[in-house]
Amino acid sequence: MIKKDWMALPPHSQSYKDGVNYFLDIAFTKGMVEEEEILCPCAVCCNDSWETRDVVYDHHYYRNDI
């Protein structure tokens, strides 16, 4: 089961950043990965756009919407 408690933390806290990386670690090891990209789950991309880990991190960190 994926830990989600980090999502309620302040976005600029280290625990929040660690949580985003935890989510991405799982997504990129157990999820559907194509050429080092996953379908971005942010509200703008809606799992319709293949993005790199860095882009998905930025979408979540700056938009706070995964």
PDB file of N, CA and C in Angstrom:
ATOM      1  N   MET A   1       0.840  -1.183   0.000  1.00  0.00           N
ATOM      2  CA  MET A   1       0.000   0.000   0.000  1.00  0.00           C
ATOM      3  C   MET A   1       0.887   1.249   0.000  1.00  0.00           C
ATOM      4  N   ILE A   2       0.504   2.228  -0.767  1.00  0.00           N
ATOM      5  CA  ILE A   2       1.276   3.466  -0.880  1.00  0.00           C
ATOM      6  C   ILE A   2       0.950   4.389   0.289  1.00  0.00           C
ATOM      7  N   LYS A   3       2.002   4.912   0.912  1.00  0.00           N
ATOM      8  CA  LYS A   3       1.807   5.901   1.971  1.00  0.00           C
ATOM      9  C   LYS A   3       1.351   7.210   1.336  1.00  0.00           C
ATOM     10  N   LYS A   4       0.330   7.841   1.920  1.00  0.00           N
ATOM     11  CA  LYS A   4      -0.184   9.094   1.363  1.00  0.00           C
ATOM     12  C   LYS A   4      -0.224  10.221   2.385  1.00  0.00           C
ATOM     13  N   ASP A   5       0.226   9.969   3.609  1.00  0.00           N
ATOM     14  CA  ASP A   5       0.137  10.978   4.657  1.00  0.00           C
ATOM     15  C   ASP A   5       0.945  12.232   4.337  1.00  0.00           C
ATOM     16  N   TRP A   6       1.972  12.103   3.516  1.00  0.00           N
ATOM     17  CA  TRP A   6       2.814  13.236   3.141  1.00  0.00           C
ATOM     18  C   TRP A   6       2.038  14.287   2.343  1.00  0.00           C
ATOM     19  N   MET A   7       0.946  13.870   1.695  1.00  0.00           N
ATOM     20  CA  MET A   7       0.189  14.797   0.849  1.00  0.00           C
ATOM     21  C   MET A   7      -0.471  15.918   1.651  1.00  0.00           C
ATOM     22  N   ALA A   8      -0.679  15.704   2.953  1.00  0.00           N
ATOM     23  CA  ALA A   8      -1.308  16.719   3.800  1.00  0.00           C
ATOM     24  C   ALA A   8      -0.287  17.675   4.413  1.00  0.00           C
ATOM     25  N   LEU A   9       0.991  17.429   4.173  1.00  0.00           N
ATOM     26  CA  LEU A   9       2.049  18.257   4.755  1.00  0.00           C
ATOM     27  C   LEU A   9       2.278  19.518   3.923  1.00  0.00           C
ATOM     28  N   PRO A  10       2.916  20.528   4.510  1.00  0.00           N
ATOM     29  CA  PRO A  10       3.258  21.733   3.740  1.00  0.00           C
ATOM     30  C   PRO A  10       4.188  21.365   2.573  1.00  0.00           C
ATOM     31  N   PRO A  11       3.904  21.846   1.367  1.00  0.00           N
ATOM     32  CA  PRO A  11       4.687  21.476   0.185  1.00  0.00           C
ATOM     33  C   PRO A  11       6.180  21.775   0.274  1.00  0.00           C
ATOM     34  N   HIS A  12       6.565  22.730   1.082  1.00  0.00           N
ATOM     35  CA  HIS A  12       7.988  23.062   1.149  1.00  0.00           C
ATOM     36  C   HIS A  12       8.725  22.296   2.238  1.00  0.00           C
ATOM     37  N   SER A  13       8.032  21.390   2.936  1.00  0.00           N
ATOM     38  CA  SER A  13       8.695  20.603   3.977  1.00  0.00           C
ATOM     39  C   SER A  13       9.484  19.457   3.342  1.00  0.00           C
ATOM     40  N   GLN A  14      10.518  19.028   4.022  1.00  0.00           N
ATOM     41  CA  GLN A  14      11.344  17.926   3.518  1.00  0.00           C
ATOM     42  C   GLN A  14      10.534  16.634   3.461  1.00  0.00           C
ATOM     43  N   SER A  15       9.647  16.433   4.421  1.00  0.00           N
ATOM     44  CA  SER A  15       8.821  15.218   4.427  1.00  0.00           C
ATOM     45  C   SER A  15       7.906  15.162   3.205  1.00  0.00           C
ATOM     46  N   TYR A  16       7.398  16.297   2.777  1.00  0.00           N
ATOM     47  CA  TYR A  16       6.561  16.363   1.579  1.00  0.00           C
ATOM     48  C   TYR A  16       7.392  16.001   0.342  1.00  0.00           C
ATOM     49  N   LYS A  17       8.574  16.594   0.232  1.00  0.00           N
ATOM     50  CA  LYS A  17       9.458  16.300  -0.902  1.00  0.00           C
ATOM     51  C   LYS A  17       9.835  14.825  -0.913  1.00  0.00           C
ATOM     52  N   ASP A  18      10.110  14.268   0.273  1.00  0.00           N
ATOM     53  CA  ASP A  18      10.421  12.844   0.370  1.00  0.00           C
ATOM     54  C   ASP A  18       9.229  12.004  -0.088  1.00  0.00           C
ATOM     55  N   GLY A  19       8.019  12.446   0.251  1.00  0.00           N
ATOM     56  CA  GLY A  19       6.814  11.737  -0.165  1.00  0.00           C
ATOM     57  C   GLY A  19       6.627  11.743  -1.674  1.00  0.00           C
ATOM     58  N   VAL A  20       6.891  12.874  -2.308  1.00  0.00           N
ATOM     59  CA  VAL A  20       6.807  12.950  -3.771  1.00  0.00           C
ATOM     60  C   VAL A  20       7.802  11.969  -4.384  1.00  0.00           C
ATOM     61  N   ASN A  21       9.016  11.941  -3.858  1.00  0.00           N
ATOM     62  CA  ASN A  21      10.027  11.014  -4.372  1.00  0.00           C
ATOM     63  C   ASN A  21       9.649   9.563  -4.113  1.00  0.00           C
ATOM     64  N   TYR A  22       9.033   9.282  -2.970  1.00  0.00           N
ATOM     65  CA  TYR A  22       8.547   7.933  -2.663  1.00  0.00           C
ATOM     66  C   TYR A  22       7.507   7.511  -3.710  1.00  0.00           C
ATOM     67  N   PHE A  23       6.553   8.390  -3.984  1.00  0.00           N
ATOM     68  CA  PHE A  23       5.534   8.123  -4.998  1.00  0.00           C
ATOM     69  C   PHE A  23       6.181   7.837  -6.359  1.00  0.00           C
ATOM     70  N   LEU A  24       7.145   8.673  -6.740  1.00  0.00           N
ATOM     71  CA  LEU A  24       7.799   8.507  -8.036  1.00  0.00           C
ATOM     72  C   LEU A  24       8.635   7.233  -8.090  1.00  0.00           C
ATOM     73  N   ASP A  25       9.274   6.865  -6.981  1.00  0.00           N
ATOM     74  CA  ASP A  25      10.034   5.610  -6.939  1.00  0.00           C
ATOM     75  C   ASP A  25       9.123   4.435  -7.267  1.00  0.00           C
ATOM     76  N   ILE A  26       7.945   4.424  -6.672  1.00  0.00           N
ATOM     77  CA  ILE A  26       6.994   3.337  -6.931  1.00  0.00           C
ATOM     78  C   ILE A  26       6.482   3.403  -8.370  1.00  0.00           C
ATOM     79  N   ALA A  27       6.118   4.589  -8.813  1.00  0.00           N
ATOM     80  CA  ALA A  27       5.580   4.743 -10.171  1.00  0.00           C
ATOM     81  C   ALA A  27       6.587   4.307 -11.232  1.00  0.00           C
ATOM     82  N   PHE A  28       7.861   4.616 -11.004  1.00  0.00           N
ATOM     83  CA  PHE A  28       8.869   4.300 -12.012  1.00  0.00           C
ATOM     84  C   PHE A  28       9.441   2.894 -11.878  1.00  0.00           C
ATOM     85  N   THR A  29       9.122   2.171 -10.790  1.00  0.00           N
ATOM     86  CA  THR A  29       9.593   0.791 -10.672  1.00  0.00           C
ATOM     87  C   THR A  29       8.467  -0.214 -10.859  1.00  0.00           C
ATOM     88  N   LYS A  30       7.255   0.134 -10.465  1.00  0.00           N
ATOM     89  CA  LYS A  30       6.137  -0.809 -10.539  1.00  0.00           C
ATOM     90  C   LYS A  30       5.059  -0.389 -11.534  1.00  0.00           C
ATOM     91  N   GLY A  31       5.121   0.828 -12.002  1.00  0.00           N
ATOM     92  CA  GLY A  31       4.118   1.327 -12.934  1.00  0.00           C
ATOM     93  C   GLY A  31       4.490   1.051 -14.378  1.00  0.00           C
ATOM     94  N   MET A  32       3.674   1.548 -15.282  1.00  0.00           N
ATOM     95  CA  MET A  32       3.937   1.408 -16.708  1.00  0.00           C
ATOM     96  C   MET A  32       4.937   2.490 -17.121  1.00  0.00           C
ATOM     97  N   VAL A  33       6.134   2.058 -17.483  1.00  0.00           N
ATOM     98  CA  VAL A  33       7.206   2.981 -17.849  1.00  0.00           C
ATOM     99  C   VAL A  33       7.562   2.737 -19.307  1.00  0.00           C
ATOM    100  N   GLU A  34       7.659   3.807 -20.065  1.00  0.00           N
ATOM    101  CA  GLU A  34       8.027   3.707 -21.473  1.00  0.00           C
ATOM    102  C   GLU A  34       9.128   4.715 -21.755  1.00  0.00           C
ATOM    103  N   GLU A  35      10.298   4.204 -22.108  1.00  0.00           N
ATOM    104  CA  GLU A  35      11.453   5.056 -22.403  1.00  0.00           C
ATOM    105  C   GLU A  35      11.710   6.073 -21.289  1.00  0.00           C
ATOM    106  N   GLU A  36      11.699   5.562 -20.042  1.00  0.00           N
ATOM    107  CA  GLU A  36      11.967   6.373 -18.850  1.00  0.00           C
ATOM    108  C   GLU A  36      10.927   7.471 -18.625  1.00  0.00           C
ATOM    109  N   GLU A  37       9.701   7.236 -19.075  1.00  0.00           N
ATOM    110  CA  GLU A  37       8.602   8.175 -18.863  1.00  0.00           C
ATOM    111  C   GLU A  37       7.381   7.410 -18.358  1.00  0.00           C
ATOM    112  N   ILE A  38       6.554   8.110 -17.587  1.00  0.00           N
ATOM    113  CA  ILE A  38       5.272   7.556 -17.152  1.00  0.00           C
ATOM    114  C   ILE A  38       4.170   8.515 -17.594  1.00  0.00           C
ATOM    115  N   LEU A  39       2.939   8.019 -17.562  1.00  0.00           N
ATOM    116  CA  LEU A  39       1.808   8.908 -17.822  1.00  0.00           C
ATOM    117  C   LEU A  39       1.657   9.808 -16.606  1.00  0.00           C
ATOM    118  N   CYS A  40       1.724  11.100 -16.824  1.00  0.00           N
ATOM    119  CA  CYS A  40       1.682  12.059 -15.722  1.00  0.00           C
ATOM    120  C   CYS A  40       0.273  12.104 -15.127  1.00  0.00           C
ATOM    121  N   PRO A  41       0.159  11.864 -13.794  1.00  0.00           N
ATOM    122  CA  PRO A  41      -1.154  11.841 -13.162  1.00  0.00           C
ATOM    123  C   PRO A  41      -1.677  13.199 -12.692  1.00  0.00           C
ATOM    124  N   CYS A  42      -1.007  14.286 -13.043  1.00  0.00           N
ATOM    125  CA  CYS A  42      -1.470  15.594 -12.561  1.00  0.00           C
ATOM    126  C   CYS A  42      -2.808  15.962 -13.220  1.00  0.00           C
ATOM    127  N   ALA A  43      -3.504  16.929 -12.638  1.00  0.00           N
ATOM    128  CA  ALA A  43      -4.831  17.332 -13.119  1.00  0.00           C
ATOM    129  C   ALA A  43      -4.796  17.922 -14.524  1.00  0.00           C
ATOM    130  N   VAL A  44      -3.679  18.497 -14.926  1.00  0.00           N
ATOM    131  CA  VAL A  44      -3.566  19.077 -16.268  1.00  0.00           C
ATOM    132  C   VAL A  44      -3.313  17.984 -17.307  1.00  0.00           C
ATOM    133  N   CYS A  45      -2.400  17.067 -17.009  1.00  0.00           N
ATOM    134  CA  CYS A  45      -2.048  16.003 -17.962  1.00  0.00           C
ATOM    135  C   CYS A  45      -3.076  14.869 -17.978  1.00  0.00           C
ATOM    136  N   CYS A  46      -3.710  14.595 -16.856  1.00  0.00           N
ATOM    137  CA  CYS A  46      -4.769  13.574 -16.749  1.00  0.00           C
ATOM    138  C   CYS A  46      -4.362  12.206 -17.306  1.00  0.00           C
ATOM    139  N   ASN A  47      -3.149  11.768 -17.007  1.00  0.00           N
ATOM    140  CA  ASN A  47      -2.657  10.470 -17.482  1.00  0.00           C
ATOM    141  C   ASN A  47      -2.701  10.351 -19.005  1.00  0.00           C
ATOM    142  N   ASP A  48      -2.549  11.464 -19.687  1.00  0.00           N
ATOM    143  CA  ASP A  48      -2.616  11.471 -21.146  1.00  0.00           C
ATOM    144  C   ASP A  48      -1.307  11.929 -21.777  1.00  0.00           C
ATOM    145  N   SER A  49      -0.314  12.232 -20.936  1.00  0.00           N
ATOM    146  CA  SER A  49       0.946  12.767 -21.439  1.00  0.00           C
ATOM    147  C   SER A  49       2.115  12.024 -20.797  1.00  0.00           C
ATOM    148  N   TRP A  50       2.980  11.432 -21.627  1.00  0.00           N
ATOM    149  CA  TRP A  50       4.164  10.746 -21.116  1.00  0.00           C
ATOM    150  C   TRP A  50       5.199  11.786 -20.717  1.00  0.00           C
ATOM    151  N   GLU A  51       5.669  11.703 -19.474  1.00  0.00           N
ATOM    152  CA  GLU A  51       6.620  12.687 -18.962  1.00  0.00           C
ATOM    153  C   GLU A  51       7.740  12.002 -18.185  1.00  0.00           C
ATOM    154  N   THR A  52       8.879  12.668 -18.116  1.00  0.00           N
ATOM    155  CA  THR A  52      10.014  12.158 -17.352  1.00  0.00           C
ATOM    156  C   THR A  52       9.757  12.333 -15.860  1.00  0.00           C
ATOM    157  N   ARG A  53      10.581  11.694 -15.062  1.00  0.00           N
ATOM    158  CA  ARG A  53      10.472  11.811 -13.605  1.00  0.00           C
ATOM    159  C   ARG A  53      10.564  13.271 -13.161  1.00  0.00           C
ATOM    160  N   ASP A  54      11.505  14.016 -13.719  1.00  0.00           N
ATOM    161  CA  ASP A  54      11.676  15.417 -13.320  1.00  0.00           C
ATOM    162  C   ASP A  54      10.433  16.251 -13.622  1.00  0.00           C
ATOM    163  N   VAL A  55       9.827  16.019 -14.765  1.00  0.00           N
ATOM    164  CA  VAL A  55       8.631  16.785 -15.139  1.00  0.00           C
ATOM    165  C   VAL A  55       7.465  16.418 -14.224  1.00  0.00           C
ATOM    166  N   VAL A  56       7.270  15.124 -13.964  1.00  0.00           N
ATOM    167  CA  VAL A  56       6.184  14.705 -13.078  1.00  0.00           C
ATOM    168  C   VAL A  56       6.404  15.278 -11.677  1.00  0.00           C
ATOM    169  N   TYR A  57       7.645  15.273 -11.207  1.00  0.00           N
ATOM    170  CA  TYR A  57       7.962  15.868  -9.899  1.00  0.00           C
ATOM    171  C   TYR A  57       7.572  17.344  -9.888  1.00  0.00           C
ATOM    172  N   ASP A  58       7.980  18.071 -10.917  1.00  0.00           N
ATOM    173  CA  ASP A  58       7.656  19.504 -10.988  1.00  0.00           C
ATOM    174  C   ASP A  58       6.147  19.735 -11.025  1.00  0.00           C
ATOM    175  N   HIS A  59       5.440  18.919 -11.812  1.00  0.00           N
ATOM    176  CA  HIS A  59       3.988  19.075 -11.888  1.00  0.00           C
ATOM    177  C   HIS A  59       3.369  18.887 -10.507  1.00  0.00           C
ATOM    178  N   HIS A  60       3.833  17.877  -9.782  1.00  0.00           N
ATOM    179  CA  HIS A  60       3.254  17.644  -8.460  1.00  0.00           C
ATOM    180  C   HIS A  60       3.697  18.690  -7.451  1.00  0.00           C
ATOM    181  N   TYR A  61       4.952  19.012  -7.479  1.00  0.00           N
ATOM    182  CA  TYR A  61       5.480  19.950  -6.481  1.00  0.00           C
ATOM    183  C   TYR A  61       4.906  21.350  -6.673  1.00  0.00           C
ATOM    184  N   TYR A  62       4.870  21.827  -7.899  1.00  0.00           N
ATOM    185  CA  TYR A  62       4.413  23.197  -8.145  1.00  0.00           C
ATOM    186  C   TYR A  62       2.899  23.314  -8.288  1.00  0.00           C
ATOM    187  N   ARG A  63       2.254  22.253  -8.765  1.00  0.00           N
ATOM    188  CA  ARG A  63       0.795  22.283  -8.921  1.00  0.00           C
ATOM    189  C   ARG A  63       0.090  21.646  -7.730  1.00  0.00           C
ATOM    190  N   ASN A  64       0.830  20.768  -7.020  1.00  0.00           N
ATOM    191  CA  ASN A  64       0.303  20.081  -5.838  1.00  0.00           C
ATOM    192  C   ASN A  64      -1.017  19.376  -6.144  1.00  0.00           C
ATOM    193  N   ASP A  65      -1.012  18.584  -7.222  1.00  0.00           N
ATOM    194  CA  ASP A  65      -2.298  17.988  -7.613  1.00  0.00           C
ATOM    195  C   ASP A  65      -2.256  16.543  -8.086  1.00  0.00           C
ATOM    196  N   ILE A  66      -1.308  15.766  -7.622  1.00  0.00           N
ATOM    197  CA  ILE A  66      -1.335  14.346  -7.981  1.00  0.00           C
ATOM    198  C   ILE A  66      -2.238  13.642  -6.993  1.00  0.00           C
TER     199      ILE A  66
END
